[in-house]
Amino acid sequence: MPTSALHQNNEAKRSFKAILWDMDGVLADSGDAHYLAWQMLLRETGQEITRQQFDDTFGMANTRIVQHWFGEALSPAENRALGLRKETLFRQLVAEHVRILPGVIDWLERFQAWGCRQVVASSGEMANVVAVIDALDIGNYFDALLSGAFLPQSKPDPAIFLLSAAAASATPDRCLVLEDAPPGIEAARRAGMRCIALTTTHPRNKLTGADLVLDNLVALDEALLTQLLN
């Protein structure tokens, strides 16, 4: 390997102490399962949802999504009950409708080999995180699983990423966020972290706030990681 390439590889390995993974659309292709679950819930209440309407809210915490579809007049208890029902429906769909995304295993293994701490930082409920990670059989790659579902503010608030950095004993400047949605990208920016966005759930022109935008993790290499440091 040329000396310059070796230097780049070592620089990338040393620079990131923690990798913060969003789950839906980054680790897992779960969009169909989430869409079907919201569709089922809304039909139970006499409403319909289109795929585009679902896509516009994908990546937000349930509290905000329930407010969006059912109105802000709901009590906290009513909001929570609807969110819990939706997630129950989602977990019934995980085994059949959730798949791991291309390149994920390769990069989980590479980051682990580099000694990076890896954390799931999802807006989804913890029961969902556990169900998906278990179904994909990737739990041993992670040092922590965090859910922002019941934080006071969801993404784009940076709380979930700051908590994830703390769980990994890493400062924000040593964290790399892997995201797929504009709220998550904005949350990473507010947290002072670098961010790679994937076009798995949103078009490239919606992801311009990220440091790097890729179609999938197969397209990522160590030279591109090094570019994020400059």
Protein backbone atom coordinates (compact mmCIF):
# COMPACT_ATOMS: atom_id res chain seq x y z
CA MET A 1 0.00 0.00 0.00
CA PRO A 2 1.43 3.45 -0.89
CA THR A 3 2.65 5.48 2.09
CA SER A 4 0.06 8.23 1.51
CA ALA A 5 -2.82 5.75 1.46
CA LEU A 6 -1.51 4.06 4.61
CA HIS A 7 -1.33 7.45 6.33
CA GLN A 8 -4.93 8.18 5.31
CA ASN A 9 -6.12 4.86 6.66
CA ASN A 10 -4.36 5.38 10.00
CA GLU A 11 -5.71 8.94 10.24
CA ALA A 12 -9.27 7.73 9.74
CA LYS A 13 -8.82 4.96 12.32
CA ARG A 14 -7.44 7.35 14.95
CA SER A 15 -9.90 10.19 14.44
CA PHE A 16 -13.25 8.57 15.23
CA LYS A 17 -13.71 7.18 18.71
CA ALA A 18 -17.45 6.58 18.41
CA ILE A 19 -19.77 5.70 15.56
CA LEU A 20 -23.38 6.69 16.21
CA TRP A 21 -25.78 4.71 14.05
CA ASP A 22 -29.34 5.74 13.37
CA MET A 23 -31.30 2.52 12.95
CA ASP A 24 -34.15 2.93 10.46
CA GLY A 25 -32.81 3.61 6.99
CA VAL A 26 -29.17 3.25 8.06
CA LEU A 27 -28.76 -0.15 9.70
CA ALA A 28 -32.10 -1.54 8.62
CA ASP A 29 -34.46 -1.24 5.69
CA SER A 30 -37.52 -0.87 7.89
CA GLY A 31 -39.50 1.72 5.96
CA ASP A 32 -42.10 -0.72 4.68
CA ALA A 33 -42.75 -2.08 8.17
CA HIS A 34 -43.14 1.40 9.66
CA TYR A 35 -45.36 2.53 6.81
CA LEU A 36 -47.59 -0.52 7.14
CA ALA A 37 -47.83 -0.04 10.91
CA TRP A 38 -48.86 3.63 10.62
CA GLN A 39 -51.27 2.71 7.84
CA MET A 40 -52.87 0.04 10.04
CA LEU A 41 -53.14 2.41 13.01
CA LEU A 42 -54.69 5.20 10.98
CA ARG A 43 -57.19 2.82 9.41
CA GLU A 44 -58.23 1.77 12.91
CA THR A 45 -59.20 5.42 13.49
CA GLY A 46 -60.85 5.89 10.09
CA GLN A 47 -57.96 7.69 8.37
CA GLU A 48 -55.63 6.95 5.45
CA ILE A 49 -51.99 7.78 4.81
CA THR A 50 -50.04 7.87 1.55
CA ARG A 51 -46.44 6.74 1.24
CA GLN A 52 -45.35 10.32 0.56
CA GLN A 53 -47.10 11.55 3.70
CA PHE A 54 -45.34 8.82 5.66
CA ASP A 55 -41.97 9.68 4.11
CA ASP A 56 -42.36 13.32 5.18
CA THR A 57 -42.43 12.30 8.86
CA PHE A 58 -40.02 9.35 8.77
CA GLY A 59 -37.19 9.85 11.27
CA MET A 60 -39.22 11.85 13.79
CA ALA A 61 -40.13 10.53 17.23
CA ASN A 62 -43.62 9.13 17.68
CA THR A 63 -44.74 12.00 19.89
CA ARG A 64 -44.32 14.45 17.04
CA ILE A 65 -45.75 12.10 14.42
CA VAL A 66 -48.86 11.39 16.50
CA GLN A 67 -49.35 15.14 16.99
CA HIS A 68 -48.98 15.58 13.23
CA TRP A 69 -51.64 13.01 12.35
CA PHE A 70 -54.03 13.30 15.29
CA GLY A 71 -53.59 16.93 16.40
CA GLU A 72 -52.02 18.63 19.38
CA ALA A 73 -55.26 18.54 21.40
CA LEU A 74 -54.47 14.97 22.45
CA SER A 75 -53.51 14.48 26.08
CA PRO A 76 -50.02 13.07 26.76
CA ALA A 77 -51.67 9.77 27.75
CA GLU A 78 -53.65 9.60 24.49
CA ASN A 79 -50.55 10.46 22.47
CA ARG A 80 -48.54 7.75 24.21
CA ALA A 81 -51.28 5.15 23.78
CA LEU A 82 -51.45 5.72 20.02
CA GLY A 83 -47.67 5.58 19.75
CA LEU A 84 -47.53 2.34 21.71
CA ARG A 85 -50.20 0.80 19.50
CA LYS A 86 -48.29 1.72 16.37
CA GLU A 87 -45.08 0.18 17.74
CA THR A 88 -46.89 -3.00 18.71
CA LEU A 89 -48.06 -3.27 15.10
CA PHE A 90 -44.53 -2.53 13.86
CA ARG A 91 -42.93 -5.27 15.94
CA GLN A 92 -45.41 -7.77 14.49
CA LEU A 93 -44.02 -6.88 11.05
CA VAL A 94 -40.28 -6.90 11.80
CA ALA A 95 -39.47 -10.51 10.94
CA GLU A 96 -41.11 -10.33 7.52
CA HIS A 97 -40.47 -6.74 6.44
CA VAL A 98 -37.12 -5.60 7.93
CA ARG A 99 -33.78 -6.33 6.22
CA ILE A 100 -30.19 -5.24 6.82
CA LEU A 101 -28.91 -2.63 4.36
CA PRO A 102 -25.96 -3.09 1.96
CA GLY A 103 -22.50 -2.51 3.39
CA VAL A 104 -23.64 -2.44 7.03
CA ILE A 105 -21.95 -5.67 8.15
CA ASP A 106 -18.65 -4.75 6.49
CA TRP A 107 -18.52 -1.39 8.27
CA LEU A 108 -19.71 -2.74 11.61
CA GLU A 109 -16.82 -5.20 11.46
CA ARG A 110 -14.31 -2.59 10.29
CA PHE A 111 -15.22 -0.02 12.94
CA GLN A 112 -15.11 -2.73 15.60
CA ALA A 113 -11.66 -3.82 14.40
CA TRP A 114 -10.48 -0.21 14.66
CA GLY A 115 -11.55 -0.12 18.30
CA CYS A 116 -14.39 2.37 17.77
CA ARG A 117 -17.26 2.41 20.21
CA GLN A 118 -20.53 1.82 18.32
CA VAL A 119 -23.91 3.03 19.54
CA VAL A 120 -27.41 2.80 18.11
CA ALA A 121 -28.97 6.28 18.44
CA SER A 122 -32.56 5.86 17.28
CA SER A 123 -35.75 7.87 17.60
CA GLY A 124 -37.62 4.58 17.85
CA GLU A 125 -38.75 2.99 21.09
CA MET A 126 -36.27 0.74 22.86
CA ALA A 127 -38.46 -2.32 22.31
CA ASN A 128 -38.24 -1.63 18.57
CA VAL A 129 -34.49 -1.14 18.68
CA VAL A 130 -34.04 -4.43 20.49
CA ALA A 131 -36.44 -6.25 18.16
CA VAL A 132 -34.69 -5.03 15.00
CA ILE A 133 -31.13 -5.53 16.26
CA ASP A 134 -32.06 -9.02 17.43
CA ALA A 135 -33.79 -9.89 14.14
CA LEU A 136 -30.72 -8.74 12.20
CA ASP A 137 -28.37 -10.59 14.63
CA ILE A 138 -25.98 -7.63 14.99
CA GLY A 139 -26.21 -6.93 18.73
CA ASN A 140 -22.60 -7.87 19.52
CA TYR A 141 -21.24 -4.99 17.47
CA PHE A 142 -22.70 -2.33 19.78
CA ASP A 143 -21.55 -0.92 23.10
CA ALA A 144 -24.92 0.71 23.79
CA LEU A 145 -28.44 0.97 22.41
CA LEU A 146 -30.16 4.33 22.98
CA SER A 147 -33.72 5.39 22.26
CA GLY A 148 -34.88 8.99 21.96
CA ALA A 149 -38.55 8.05 21.86
CA PHE A 150 -39.39 9.61 25.22
CA LEU A 151 -36.88 12.44 25.37
CA PRO A 152 -38.52 15.87 25.78
CA GLN A 153 -37.43 16.81 22.25
CA SER A 154 -36.80 14.51 19.27
CA LYS A 155 -34.39 15.01 16.38
CA PRO A 156 -33.43 17.66 15.20
CA ASP A 157 -32.75 18.29 18.89
CA PRO A 158 -29.22 16.93 19.50
CA ALA A 159 -29.97 15.24 22.84
CA ILE A 160 -29.97 11.66 21.53
CA PHE A 161 -26.54 12.09 19.93
CA LEU A 162 -25.05 13.87 22.93
CA LEU A 163 -26.31 11.07 25.20
CA SER A 164 -24.87 8.51 22.79
CA ALA A 165 -21.49 10.25 22.83
CA ALA A 166 -21.53 10.17 26.63
CA ALA A 167 -22.40 6.47 26.57
CA ALA A 168 -19.35 5.91 24.36
CA SER A 169 -17.12 8.18 26.52
CA ALA A 170 -16.42 10.27 23.42
CA THR A 171 -16.41 14.01 22.82
CA PRO A 172 -18.65 15.25 19.98
CA ASP A 173 -15.69 16.07 17.73
CA ARG A 174 -14.62 12.40 17.90
CA CYS A 175 -18.06 11.09 16.88
CA LEU A 176 -19.29 10.16 13.42
CA VAL A 177 -23.06 10.03 12.89
CA LEU A 178 -24.61 7.81 10.22
CA GLU A 179 -28.06 9.13 9.27
CA ASP A 180 -30.67 9.06 6.53
CA ALA A 181 -33.12 11.86 7.41
CA PRO A 182 -32.95 15.67 7.55
CA PRO A 183 -33.93 15.87 11.27
CA GLY A 184 -31.09 13.51 12.16
CA ILE A 185 -28.58 15.42 10.05
CA GLU A 186 -29.57 18.67 11.75
CA ALA A 187 -29.31 16.97 15.15
CA ALA A 188 -25.76 15.85 14.34
CA ARG A 189 -24.84 19.36 13.22
CA ARG A 190 -26.22 20.88 16.43
CA ALA A 191 -24.28 18.31 18.44
CA GLY A 192 -21.04 19.35 16.74
CA MET A 193 -20.53 15.97 15.08
CA ARG A 194 -19.63 14.97 11.55
CA CYS A 195 -22.33 13.20 9.62
CA ILE A 196 -22.60 10.82 6.69
CA ALA A 197 -26.09 10.65 5.17
CA LEU A 198 -27.49 7.81 3.09
CA THR A 199 -30.12 8.28 0.37
CA THR A 200 -32.11 5.28 1.55
CA THR A 201 -35.24 7.19 2.59
CA HIS A 202 -34.80 10.75 1.28
CA PRO A 203 -33.44 12.16 -2.00
CA ARG A 204 -29.95 13.59 -2.12
CA ASN A 205 -31.20 17.18 -2.37
CA LYS A 206 -32.85 16.83 1.06
CA LEU A 207 -29.61 15.73 2.72
CA THR A 208 -27.36 18.68 1.90
CA GLY A 209 -26.63 19.43 5.57
CA ALA A 210 -24.49 16.29 5.88
CA ASP A 211 -20.71 16.30 5.48
CA LEU A 212 -20.96 13.46 2.98
CA VAL A 213 -23.93 11.96 1.12
CA LEU A 214 -23.79 8.40 -0.25
CA ASP A 215 -26.30 6.03 -1.78
CA ASN A 216 -25.28 3.28 0.63
CA LEU A 217 -22.38 2.14 2.81
CA VAL A 218 -20.93 0.04 0.01
CA ALA A 219 -19.82 3.36 -1.51
CA LEU A 220 -17.91 4.36 1.65
CA ASP A 221 -14.16 3.85 1.86
CA GLU A 222 -11.37 5.02 4.14
CA ALA A 223 -10.30 7.81 1.78
CA LEU A 224 -13.78 9.33 1.98
CA LEU A 225 -13.68 9.08 5.77
CA THR A 226 -10.39 10.93 5.80
CA GLN A 227 -11.94 13.73 3.72
CA LEU A 228 -14.32 14.41 6.60
CA LEU A 229 -11.38 15.38 8.76
CA ASN A 230 -10.35 18.28 6.53
